[in-house]
Each structure stands twice: as structure tokens, then as C-alpha cells.
Amino acid sequence: MKVEPRTLPGFMELLPNEQIQFNAMVDKIRKSYEKFGFLPIDTPIIENAAVLLAKAGGETEKQIYRFNKGENDLALRFDLTVPLAKYVTEYYNDITFPFKRYQIGKVYRGERPQKGRYREFYQCDIDIIGEGTLSIINDAEMPSVIYTTIKELGFNDFTIRINNRKILNGLYMELGLEEKSVDIMRIIDKIDKIGKENVEKCLEDLEVEPEKIDKIMTFIGIEGTTDEKIQKLKALNFKNELFIKGVDELSEVVKYVRYFGVPDDNFKVDLTIARGLDYYTGTVYETFLNDYREVGSVCSGGRYDNLTEYYSDRKMSGVGVSIGLTRLFYKLNELNIIREKEKSIAKVLVVSMTTNINRALEVGAIFRNNNINTDVYSEDKKIKAKFKYADKLRIPFVAIIGEDEEKNGTVSLKNMETGEQEELKIEEAVKKLCS
């Protein structure tokens, strides 16, 4: 009985031409992270369940893939932050602080698959971890990395939205809503998705008094330039120390973001940004492509304290952001923003016009030794089939070796786009292919 070959729902598989595009995005993100001195790490996909579940709870815990192998209780990692906390605790004596790391890898969540949402997906994370304290300047570096990365991915019109959770928590303390602050922030964080009226309705359902709802909506509706918003926050004259500290931090972040070279056109203060996760304690970020808001936030994160509280008594603060690459890639393809460019990574296909393929193999080796991606057609087919192979994979050049070329130590190099063909010495062909 034959088994039907099919991919599980919520898992993405790509054709080679799509994978080339995906890999190109990964390479650009990696190079951008490394420009800022972030160091690469990798952590196991499978961990002891006790390690991963130490910080999990609620909906997250329900989504974790957990299984037993022998006597071991194991789970698949559901993000890259919890493994980072384990990592810095385990290798504390071997790493240098502030510890700037990046990690690009797959994570797993057993949620219901939807269009553009996957159970297995890539995250591209950067974090700066401080030993004890961590300068606010690091919070300003994150928008600079985001700016550089999104530009590298080919976008110019985007906005990094910045806020501070201390401001929001201070506001709710001022209004006597401290116990409901996490729930309120989660609701407000959805304002772009559900709209102002539905936010007000959700706050009513949370039994927030009407006058306090009005104050919350007035607060998050503060308008103006980045500097005007900060001035308006200061002009509220709130006495709450947490609120005052949050405004001061936000002002400092804005100042240093400009020193990092991020144009004002590409960042703004947005008082609705809260981030749903309650472990954020200070600066928070979300990044949107202005022409494609339907994609959602393409890079988000923030400042957090007590990263390793479940594994160590040492206090470690951090700040980080993450790109959900699988979802981003899917949405960009769906919107036809990514155009198919390549079906092959080979620059040249070497073909033999005779039954003797030895010379073709030798020429292929010479090309590769000169860092030219080279494919050699080794099947016993007619020349038409060989050119069809190159054409279907959009390989730019074909190096033809017939009896004359073999005798002369040359190749006939054909440009598949223009149809031009010329007989060249091997070193000439190498020079042309490298240009």
C-alpha cells in the first residue's frame, strides 16, 4: 500500500526557487546583525521540558510540543528567549557581558494553523544581556539594527514605533488600575487590529469605569511629532515615579536613536504600543511596512528584567527584538512583494558535446576553484535537453566543450539571455564569469 506524501498542516516547505529567496533573506538579516557586533549562538531544538516550562504558562504551555523518550520528559523550544536564558546561566563564566547575541532558528508552537501562521517557523532574534544593569543606550541601538536590517531587505518606507511600559504601568497606577494593567495593555496592543470602539468595549468588559476608559483613550490618542508627544507626556505632571522614569527613558532612547543615525521619518513614539507579553518592563518596539500594514509588525521586542530568574539568583536585564521570518516571507510572497529572481544558484552549466565528459568535469573543477558556482551536466542526453535544463533553471551561462574546444583548451561560453556565444581560453572564461 502506497502512503500519500503530504506535509503536515502548519509546516512550510518551499520549492528550490523559493528556498533561494528565503536563504537570501536569512543571509541579509545575519549580515545586518553582525554589522553591530552580535555574536552567533545556537541552542538545541529539544530541551528538558522542565527547562522550557519554567517560564511558560497559560496559552503558551498549551501550545508546547511535549513528549517522553524513555525516562526523559522533553519538549520542543517555542521561542528563542527561554533557551537564551538557559544559555547565559549555563555559560555565565564563559561569556563576556554585555552579551550581544543573535540566533536564527526554528521554533515550534502547536497552535491552530491559519493562513500565514505556522506551527514550525523561523525566528531571527537579537538580544543584549547585561550583568546586573544595562545602559539605556542599548535600547536605542535596537531601532538602529532594525532600521539597517529592514533597509537591507529592500524596504525604505517603514516605521519603528517605540513606547515604554513604565509609562503605561505608571498611568494605570495613577488611575488605580494597577491590578488590571497587564490585561489593559494586552487589549490596547490590539487597537490596530480591532479598532478604537472594540478596545473601549473590551475595557468595559474588564469592568474599567467609564471615566477611566476616557482617560486611557485620551492618553493613547496624544498626537504630534515625537518630541511634541514627549513634551505632552511631561506636561501631564503625573506624580507617579514609574511614569516619570518611563518618560525620561523614552526621551533618552529617542535622543540616542538619532545619534545612531536613524532618520526621524523611520521612527516615532506610539503610546498604543504595549506588546502582549507581560515580561517587558521598559522600552518596547513594533515595526510596520507603511505600504503593507496588513503584514502586521515585521520586527518587535523590548526591554525586560530578570531574564534568568527561573534558573539563577543573578539579576540579568536585557533588551531584544525578533523577526518572525517564516510569516514575513509568506506574507511578502502573498502580496507579490518578493519577485522570483533565481531558480538555480549555479552561474554556469558545463556541457560536453562528445561522449567523453572528463574535460567537462575538469573545467567544472577549475571554475569552482575560482569561486564560480558551477553545475556540470553529466547525463547522456542530446544537446537540446542540456540547454533546456539550463534554460528551465535560468542558469546565466553555458560552457560548451566539443572536440575543437577540448583540443584547443578552450570553452565556448554562451550567454543564455542574449544568445551571444564566444570561444574563450579557460582563464578568459573565468574572468568573464567573475565579472
Protein backbone atom coordinates (compact mmCIF):
# COMPACT_ATOMS: atom_id res chain seq x y z
CA MET A 1 0.00 0.00 0.00
CA LYS A 2 1.36 3.41 -1.00
CA VAL A 3 1.46 6.19 1.59
CA GLU A 4 0.23 9.57 0.42
CA PRO A 5 3.15 12.04 0.57
CA ARG A 6 1.85 15.19 2.20
CA THR A 7 3.19 17.86 4.52
CA LEU A 8 1.55 18.34 7.90
CA PRO A 9 -0.64 21.45 8.26
CA GLY A 10 1.27 24.39 9.71
CA PHE A 11 4.66 23.37 8.33
CA MET A 12 6.19 25.24 5.41
CA GLU A 13 8.04 23.55 2.55
CA LEU A 14 9.46 25.56 -0.32
CA LEU A 15 10.44 24.81 -3.88
CA PRO A 16 14.14 25.43 -4.66
CA ASN A 17 13.50 28.86 -6.25
CA GLU A 18 11.54 29.92 -3.15
CA GLN A 19 14.20 28.50 -0.84
CA ILE A 20 16.84 30.57 -2.65
CA GLN A 21 14.80 33.70 -1.88
CA PHE A 22 14.30 32.63 1.73
CA ASN A 23 18.01 31.91 2.19
CA ALA A 24 18.86 35.31 0.69
CA MET A 25 16.68 36.98 3.35
CA VAL A 26 18.37 34.97 6.10
CA ASP A 27 21.80 35.99 4.78
CA LYS A 28 20.85 39.68 4.73
CA ILE A 29 19.50 39.52 8.28
CA ARG A 30 22.58 37.68 9.51
CA LYS A 31 24.97 40.17 7.90
CA SER A 32 22.98 43.09 9.31
CA TYR A 33 23.13 41.65 12.85
CA GLU A 34 26.85 41.00 12.54
CA LYS A 35 27.46 44.62 11.45
CA PHE A 36 26.60 45.62 15.01
CA GLY A 37 28.87 43.02 16.60
CA PHE A 38 26.24 40.49 17.61
CA LEU A 39 27.69 37.02 18.14
CA PRO A 40 26.04 33.87 16.75
CA ILE A 41 24.79 31.10 19.01
CA ASP A 42 22.60 28.06 18.51
CA THR A 43 20.63 26.08 21.06
CA PRO A 44 19.00 22.63 20.86
CA ILE A 45 15.54 22.35 19.36
CA ILE A 46 14.76 19.71 22.01
CA GLU A 47 15.21 20.61 25.68
CA ASN A 48 14.20 19.11 29.01
CA ALA A 49 10.57 20.09 29.50
CA ALA A 50 11.34 21.45 32.98
CA VAL A 51 13.79 23.95 31.47
CA LEU A 52 11.36 25.26 28.84
CA LEU A 53 8.30 25.21 31.07
CA ALA A 54 9.97 27.14 33.90
CA LYS A 55 8.88 30.43 32.35
CA ALA A 56 5.88 29.20 30.38
CA GLY A 57 2.27 29.34 31.41
CA GLY A 58 -1.29 29.78 30.21
CA GLU A 59 -1.76 29.62 26.44
CA THR A 60 1.96 29.15 25.75
CA GLU A 61 2.14 25.98 27.82
CA LYS A 62 -0.83 24.54 25.95
CA GLN A 63 0.97 25.08 22.64
CA ILE A 64 4.24 23.37 23.58
CA TYR A 65 5.11 20.11 21.83
CA ARG A 66 5.95 17.79 24.72
CA PHE A 67 6.81 14.08 24.65
CA ASN A 68 8.60 11.32 26.54
CA LYS A 69 11.59 9.36 25.29
CA GLY A 70 12.48 6.65 27.76
CA GLU A 71 12.53 8.30 31.17
CA ASN A 72 13.15 11.79 29.74
CA ASP A 73 10.40 14.44 29.71
CA LEU A 74 11.22 16.52 26.62
CA ALA A 75 9.79 19.47 24.70
CA LEU A 76 10.45 21.44 21.51
CA ARG A 77 11.54 25.05 22.01
CA PHE A 78 8.65 27.51 21.48
CA ASP A 79 10.79 30.66 21.24
CA LEU A 80 14.47 31.62 21.38
CA THR A 81 14.31 33.75 24.53
CA VAL A 82 13.84 30.96 27.08
CA PRO A 83 16.76 28.95 25.60
CA LEU A 84 18.81 32.19 25.78
CA ALA A 85 18.04 32.48 29.49
CA LYS A 86 19.21 28.90 29.99
CA TYR A 87 22.28 29.55 27.83
CA VAL A 88 23.56 32.63 29.68
CA THR A 89 23.01 30.88 33.02
CA GLU A 90 24.82 27.72 31.95
CA TYR A 91 27.77 29.52 30.30
CA TYR A 92 27.87 32.54 32.60
CA ASN A 93 31.61 32.15 33.31
CA ASP A 94 32.50 31.71 29.63
CA ILE A 95 30.75 34.69 28.02
CA THR A 96 31.51 38.41 28.10
CA PHE A 97 28.93 40.93 29.28
CA PRO A 98 27.18 42.86 27.93
CA PHE A 99 26.47 39.75 25.88
CA LYS A 100 25.30 40.59 22.36
CA ARG A 101 23.95 37.51 20.64
CA TYR A 102 21.89 36.63 17.60
CA GLN A 103 20.16 33.38 16.82
CA ILE A 104 18.27 32.34 13.70
CA GLY A 105 16.39 29.09 14.05
CA LYS A 106 13.15 27.15 14.04
CA VAL A 107 10.67 27.18 16.91
CA TYR A 108 7.50 25.15 17.44
CA ARG A 109 4.04 26.01 18.68
CA GLY A 110 1.07 23.68 18.50
CA GLU A 111 -1.47 26.39 17.72
CA ARG A 112 -4.22 26.11 15.13
CA PRO A 113 -2.63 26.68 11.71
CA GLN A 114 -4.02 29.66 9.80
CA LYS A 115 -3.10 31.43 6.63
CA GLY A 116 0.39 32.75 7.21
CA ARG A 117 0.65 31.27 10.73
CA TYR A 118 2.71 28.14 11.20
CA ARG A 119 3.44 25.51 13.84
CA GLU A 120 7.08 25.41 12.76
CA PHE A 121 8.66 28.74 11.91
CA TYR A 122 11.93 30.65 11.88
CA GLN A 123 12.71 33.44 14.30
CA CYS A 124 15.64 35.83 13.88
CA ASP A 125 16.47 37.19 17.33
CA ILE A 126 18.99 39.63 18.73
CA ASP A 127 19.44 40.39 22.42
CA ILE A 128 21.86 42.37 24.57
CA ILE A 129 22.14 40.91 28.07
CA GLY A 130 23.61 42.92 30.91
CA GLU A 131 25.19 41.64 34.10
CA GLY A 132 23.06 43.42 36.66
CA THR A 133 22.30 46.72 34.93
CA LEU A 134 22.19 47.58 31.23
CA SER A 135 22.55 51.11 29.83
CA ILE A 136 19.52 52.69 28.17
CA ILE A 137 21.78 53.30 25.14
CA ASN A 138 21.28 49.62 24.30
CA ASP A 139 17.54 50.27 24.00
CA ALA A 140 18.39 52.91 21.38
CA GLU A 141 20.67 50.54 19.47
CA MET A 142 17.79 48.17 18.73
CA PRO A 143 15.95 50.60 16.39
CA SER A 144 19.27 51.17 14.63
CA VAL A 145 19.65 47.43 14.00
CA ILE A 146 16.01 47.20 12.90
CA TYR A 147 16.48 50.17 10.54
CA THR A 148 19.60 48.65 8.96
CA THR A 149 18.01 45.20 8.64
CA ILE A 150 14.74 46.32 7.06
CA LYS A 151 16.69 48.51 4.63
CA GLU A 152 18.87 45.51 3.73
CA LEU A 153 15.68 43.54 2.98
CA GLY A 154 14.82 46.18 0.37
CA PHE A 155 12.29 48.42 2.16
CA ASN A 156 12.55 52.17 2.65
CA ASP A 157 9.07 53.23 3.78
CA PHE A 158 8.68 51.74 7.25
CA THR A 159 8.16 52.99 10.79
CA ILE A 160 9.68 51.72 14.03
CA ARG A 161 7.12 52.51 16.73
CA ILE A 162 8.54 52.98 20.21
CA ASN A 163 6.93 53.18 23.65
CA ASN A 164 7.81 52.40 27.26
CA ARG A 165 5.88 50.02 29.51
CA LYS A 166 6.80 52.08 32.60
CA ILE A 167 4.73 54.95 31.19
CA LEU A 168 1.74 52.67 30.75
CA ASN A 169 2.14 50.96 34.13
CA GLY A 170 2.56 54.37 35.78
CA LEU A 171 -0.61 55.61 34.11
CA TYR A 172 -2.63 52.64 35.40
CA MET A 173 -1.19 53.06 38.88
CA GLU A 174 -2.21 56.74 38.72
CA LEU A 175 -5.73 55.62 37.76
CA GLY A 176 -5.88 52.89 40.42
CA LEU A 177 -5.89 50.14 37.79
CA GLU A 178 -2.58 48.51 38.69
CA GLU A 179 -4.07 45.03 39.14
CA LYS A 180 -5.63 45.16 35.67
CA SER A 181 -2.65 46.78 33.92
CA VAL A 182 -1.43 43.65 32.10
CA ASP A 183 -4.91 42.89 30.75
CA ILE A 184 -5.42 46.53 29.73
CA MET A 185 -2.10 46.63 27.88
CA ARG A 186 -2.94 43.43 26.01
CA ILE A 187 -6.22 44.98 24.90
CA ILE A 188 -4.65 48.29 23.84
CA ASP A 189 -1.92 46.42 21.96
CA LYS A 190 -4.68 45.15 19.62
CA ILE A 191 -6.04 48.60 18.72
CA ASP A 192 -4.71 48.41 15.14
CA LYS A 193 -6.46 45.06 14.65
CA ILE A 194 -9.78 45.60 16.41
CA GLY A 195 -10.21 49.40 16.35
CA LYS A 196 -10.89 52.04 18.98
CA GLU A 197 -14.55 51.12 19.64
CA ASN A 198 -13.74 47.46 20.27
CA VAL A 199 -10.91 48.45 22.61
CA GLU A 200 -13.37 50.54 24.62
CA LYS A 201 -15.82 47.60 24.66
CA CYS A 202 -13.10 45.23 25.90
CA LEU A 203 -12.18 47.69 28.65
CA GLU A 204 -15.84 47.86 29.67
CA ASP A 205 -15.91 44.05 29.82
CA LEU A 206 -12.86 44.28 32.09
CA GLU A 207 -15.04 46.45 34.37
CA VAL A 208 -12.95 49.59 33.96
CA GLU A 209 -15.02 52.66 34.91
CA PRO A 210 -16.18 54.89 32.00
CA GLU A 211 -14.26 57.99 33.17
CA LYS A 212 -11.06 55.93 33.43
CA ILE A 213 -11.65 54.50 29.95
CA ASP A 214 -11.94 58.09 28.68
CA LYS A 215 -8.63 58.99 30.33
CA ILE A 216 -6.92 55.91 28.86
CA MET A 217 -8.23 56.62 25.35
CA THR A 218 -7.28 60.31 25.62
CA PHE A 219 -3.81 59.31 26.77
CA ILE A 220 -3.08 56.83 23.96
CA GLY A 221 -4.56 59.33 21.49
CA ILE A 222 -1.94 62.01 22.23
CA GLU A 223 -0.81 63.32 18.84
CA GLY A 224 2.08 65.32 17.43
CA THR A 225 5.67 64.78 16.44
CA THR A 226 7.89 62.52 18.53
CA ASP A 227 9.23 65.48 20.52
CA GLU A 228 5.76 67.02 20.94
CA LYS A 229 4.41 63.75 22.35
CA ILE A 230 7.20 63.57 24.90
CA GLN A 231 6.57 67.19 25.90
CA LYS A 232 2.84 66.48 26.27
CA LEU A 233 3.63 63.47 28.47
CA LYS A 234 5.81 65.63 30.71
CA ALA A 235 3.11 68.34 30.78
CA LEU A 236 0.63 65.86 32.33
CA ASN A 237 2.54 66.45 35.59
CA PHE A 238 1.82 62.96 36.92
CA LYS A 239 3.47 62.38 40.28
CA ASN A 240 3.86 58.64 39.82
CA GLU A 241 7.59 57.84 39.92
CA LEU A 242 7.32 54.92 37.49
CA PHE A 243 5.55 57.13 34.94
CA ILE A 244 8.20 59.85 35.29
CA LYS A 245 11.02 57.30 34.90
CA GLY A 246 9.33 55.86 31.79
CA VAL A 247 9.04 59.29 30.16
CA ASP A 248 12.69 60.03 30.97
CA GLU A 249 13.77 56.68 29.47
CA LEU A 250 11.70 57.26 26.35
CA SER A 251 13.23 60.71 25.95
CA GLU A 252 16.76 59.25 26.30
CA VAL A 253 16.03 56.47 23.78
CA VAL A 254 14.78 59.00 21.22
CA LYS A 255 17.90 61.13 21.73
CA TYR A 256 20.28 58.21 21.21
CA VAL A 257 18.30 56.70 18.32
CA ARG A 258 19.08 59.90 16.42
CA TYR A 259 22.78 59.62 17.32
CA PHE A 260 22.70 56.09 15.92
CA GLY A 261 21.67 57.64 12.60
CA VAL A 262 18.05 56.52 12.31
CA PRO A 263 16.06 59.19 10.39
CA ASP A 264 13.00 60.68 12.11
CA ASP A 265 10.94 59.51 9.13
CA ASN A 266 11.58 55.90 10.17
CA PHE A 267 10.69 56.01 13.88
CA LYS A 268 8.03 57.55 16.08
CA VAL A 269 6.66 57.44 19.60
CA ASP A 270 3.42 55.44 19.65
CA LEU A 271 1.66 55.28 23.02
CA THR A 272 -0.57 52.39 21.90
CA ILE A 273 2.39 50.01 21.59
CA ALA A 274 2.42 47.76 24.65
CA ARG A 275 3.47 44.29 23.40
CA GLY A 276 1.29 41.46 24.65
CA LEU A 277 3.93 39.65 26.70
CA ASP A 278 3.96 40.76 30.30
CA TYR A 279 7.72 40.25 30.85
CA TYR A 280 8.55 43.50 29.06
CA THR A 281 9.39 46.14 31.66
CA GLY A 282 10.60 49.19 29.72
CA THR A 283 11.13 50.16 26.09
CA VAL A 284 9.01 48.29 23.55
CA TYR A 285 9.11 48.28 19.75
CA GLU A 286 6.98 47.30 16.78
CA THR A 287 7.91 47.85 13.14
CA PHE A 288 5.48 48.24 10.26
CA LEU A 289 5.91 48.48 6.49
CA ASN A 290 3.85 51.59 5.77
CA ASP A 291 2.55 50.41 2.39
CA TYR A 292 1.75 46.92 3.69
CA ARG A 293 0.20 47.34 7.13
CA GLU A 294 -1.75 44.12 6.55
CA VAL A 295 1.53 42.24 7.05
CA GLY A 296 1.47 43.32 10.70
CA SER A 297 4.56 44.03 12.77
CA VAL A 298 7.64 42.68 10.99
CA CYS A 299 10.02 43.17 13.94
CA SER A 300 9.09 43.61 17.59
CA GLY A 301 10.51 43.27 21.08
CA GLY A 302 11.59 45.28 24.07
CA ARG A 303 13.40 45.62 27.40
CA TYR A 304 12.99 43.01 30.12
CA ASP A 305 14.38 42.46 33.63
CA ASN A 306 15.21 39.24 35.45
CA LEU A 307 15.85 37.16 32.32
CA THR A 308 17.32 34.29 34.34
CA GLU A 309 15.09 34.47 37.42
CA TYR A 310 13.93 30.85 36.95
CA TYR A 311 17.47 29.47 36.62
CA SER A 312 19.68 31.66 38.80
CA ASP A 313 19.70 34.26 41.59
CA ARG A 314 21.84 36.55 39.42
CA LYS A 315 19.98 39.59 38.11
CA MET A 316 20.31 39.98 34.36
CA SER A 317 18.50 42.58 32.32
CA GLY A 318 18.19 42.52 28.57
CA VAL A 319 16.73 44.13 25.50
CA GLY A 320 15.97 42.39 22.25
CA VAL A 321 13.90 42.16 19.09
CA SER A 322 12.75 39.35 16.85
CA ILE A 323 11.78 38.94 13.21
CA GLY A 324 9.25 36.17 12.53
CA LEU A 325 10.81 35.27 9.21
CA THR A 326 8.53 32.45 8.07
CA ARG A 327 5.37 34.52 8.42
CA LEU A 328 7.05 37.59 6.90
CA PHE A 329 8.26 35.58 3.91
CA TYR A 330 4.79 34.10 3.40
CA LYS A 331 3.07 37.48 3.54
CA LEU A 332 5.57 39.17 1.22
CA ASN A 333 5.08 36.38 -1.31
CA GLU A 334 1.30 36.54 -0.95
CA LEU A 335 1.38 40.26 -1.71
CA ASN A 336 3.78 39.70 -4.65
CA ILE A 337 6.33 41.97 -2.98
CA ILE A 338 9.01 39.33 -3.44
CA ARG A 339 9.62 38.65 -7.11
CA GLU A 340 11.04 35.33 -8.27
CA LYS A 341 14.60 36.01 -9.39
CA GLU A 342 16.55 32.78 -9.44
CA LYS A 343 15.79 29.11 -9.87
CA SER A 344 19.38 27.99 -9.54
CA ILE A 345 22.44 29.15 -7.66
CA ALA A 346 24.77 28.00 -10.46
CA LYS A 347 26.40 30.76 -12.55
CA VAL A 348 27.38 28.39 -15.34
CA LEU A 349 26.47 24.95 -16.66
CA VAL A 350 29.30 22.97 -18.25
CA VAL A 351 28.15 20.59 -21.01
CA SER A 352 30.06 18.17 -23.20
CA MET A 353 29.23 17.82 -26.89
CA THR A 354 31.03 14.47 -27.00
CA THR A 355 30.63 11.17 -25.16
CA ASN A 356 33.78 11.96 -23.16
CA ILE A 357 32.76 14.00 -20.10
CA ASN A 358 36.23 14.06 -18.50
CA ARG A 359 37.17 17.51 -19.79
CA ALA A 360 33.82 18.95 -18.68
CA LEU A 361 34.47 17.68 -15.15
CA GLU A 362 37.96 19.23 -15.18
CA VAL A 363 36.63 22.60 -16.37
CA GLY A 364 33.92 22.47 -13.71
CA ALA A 365 36.60 21.97 -11.05
CA ILE A 366 38.63 24.92 -12.41
CA PHE A 367 35.57 27.19 -12.27
CA ARG A 368 34.74 26.15 -8.70
CA ASN A 369 38.34 26.69 -7.61
CA ASN A 370 37.81 30.28 -8.75
CA ASN A 371 34.68 30.60 -6.59
CA ILE A 372 32.25 30.28 -9.51
CA ASN A 373 29.11 28.27 -8.71
CA THR A 374 29.19 25.57 -11.37
CA ASP A 375 26.92 22.73 -12.44
CA VAL A 376 28.15 20.01 -14.80
CA TYR A 377 25.56 18.17 -16.89
CA SER A 378 26.53 14.51 -16.62
CA GLU A 379 23.54 12.75 -18.18
CA ASP A 380 23.77 11.15 -21.63
CA LYS A 381 21.23 13.37 -23.38
CA LYS A 382 21.03 15.30 -26.62
CA ILE A 383 22.41 18.83 -26.60
CA LYS A 384 18.87 20.24 -26.83
CA ALA A 385 17.97 18.62 -23.50
CA LYS A 386 21.11 20.06 -21.91
CA PHE A 387 20.25 23.60 -22.99
CA LYS A 388 16.65 23.09 -21.89
CA TYR A 389 17.95 22.16 -18.43
CA ALA A 390 19.95 25.40 -18.24
CA ASP A 391 17.02 27.43 -19.54
CA LYS A 392 14.48 26.00 -17.07
CA LEU A 393 16.81 26.72 -14.15
CA ARG A 394 17.73 30.14 -15.57
CA ILE A 395 21.45 29.42 -15.39
CA PRO A 396 23.02 32.55 -16.96
CA PHE A 397 25.84 30.85 -18.91
CA VAL A 398 26.56 27.52 -20.59
CA ALA A 399 30.19 26.47 -21.16
CA ILE A 400 30.24 24.16 -24.17
CA ILE A 401 33.07 21.68 -24.71
CA GLY A 402 33.23 19.94 -28.08
CA GLU A 403 36.10 18.29 -29.91
CA ASP A 404 37.59 21.63 -31.00
CA GLU A 405 37.36 23.15 -27.53
CA GLU A 406 38.91 20.06 -25.99
CA LYS A 407 41.80 20.16 -28.48
CA ASN A 408 42.32 23.96 -28.09
CA GLY A 409 42.00 24.04 -24.30
CA THR A 410 39.05 26.43 -24.59
CA VAL A 411 35.32 26.61 -23.92
CA SER A 412 32.53 28.17 -25.94
CA LEU A 413 30.71 30.37 -23.46
CA LYS A 414 27.08 31.12 -24.29
CA ASN A 415 25.11 33.91 -22.62
CA MET A 416 21.65 32.36 -22.19
CA GLU A 417 19.93 35.75 -22.01
CA THR A 418 21.44 37.37 -25.11
CA GLY A 419 22.27 34.23 -27.07
CA GLU A 420 25.82 35.52 -27.69
CA GLN A 421 28.50 32.85 -27.82
CA GLU A 422 32.30 33.13 -27.96
CA GLU A 423 35.21 30.73 -27.76
CA LEU A 424 37.49 31.64 -24.84
CA LYS A 425 40.56 30.33 -23.13
CA ILE A 426 39.76 28.92 -19.69
CA GLU A 427 41.31 31.88 -17.85
CA GLU A 428 39.33 34.27 -20.07
CA ALA A 429 36.12 32.40 -19.30
CA VAL A 430 36.93 32.56 -15.57
CA LYS A 431 37.48 36.32 -15.80
CA LYS A 432 34.19 36.84 -17.67
CA LEU A 433 32.19 34.68 -15.24
CA CYS A 434 33.72 36.52 -12.27
CA SER A 435 32.87 39.96 -13.65
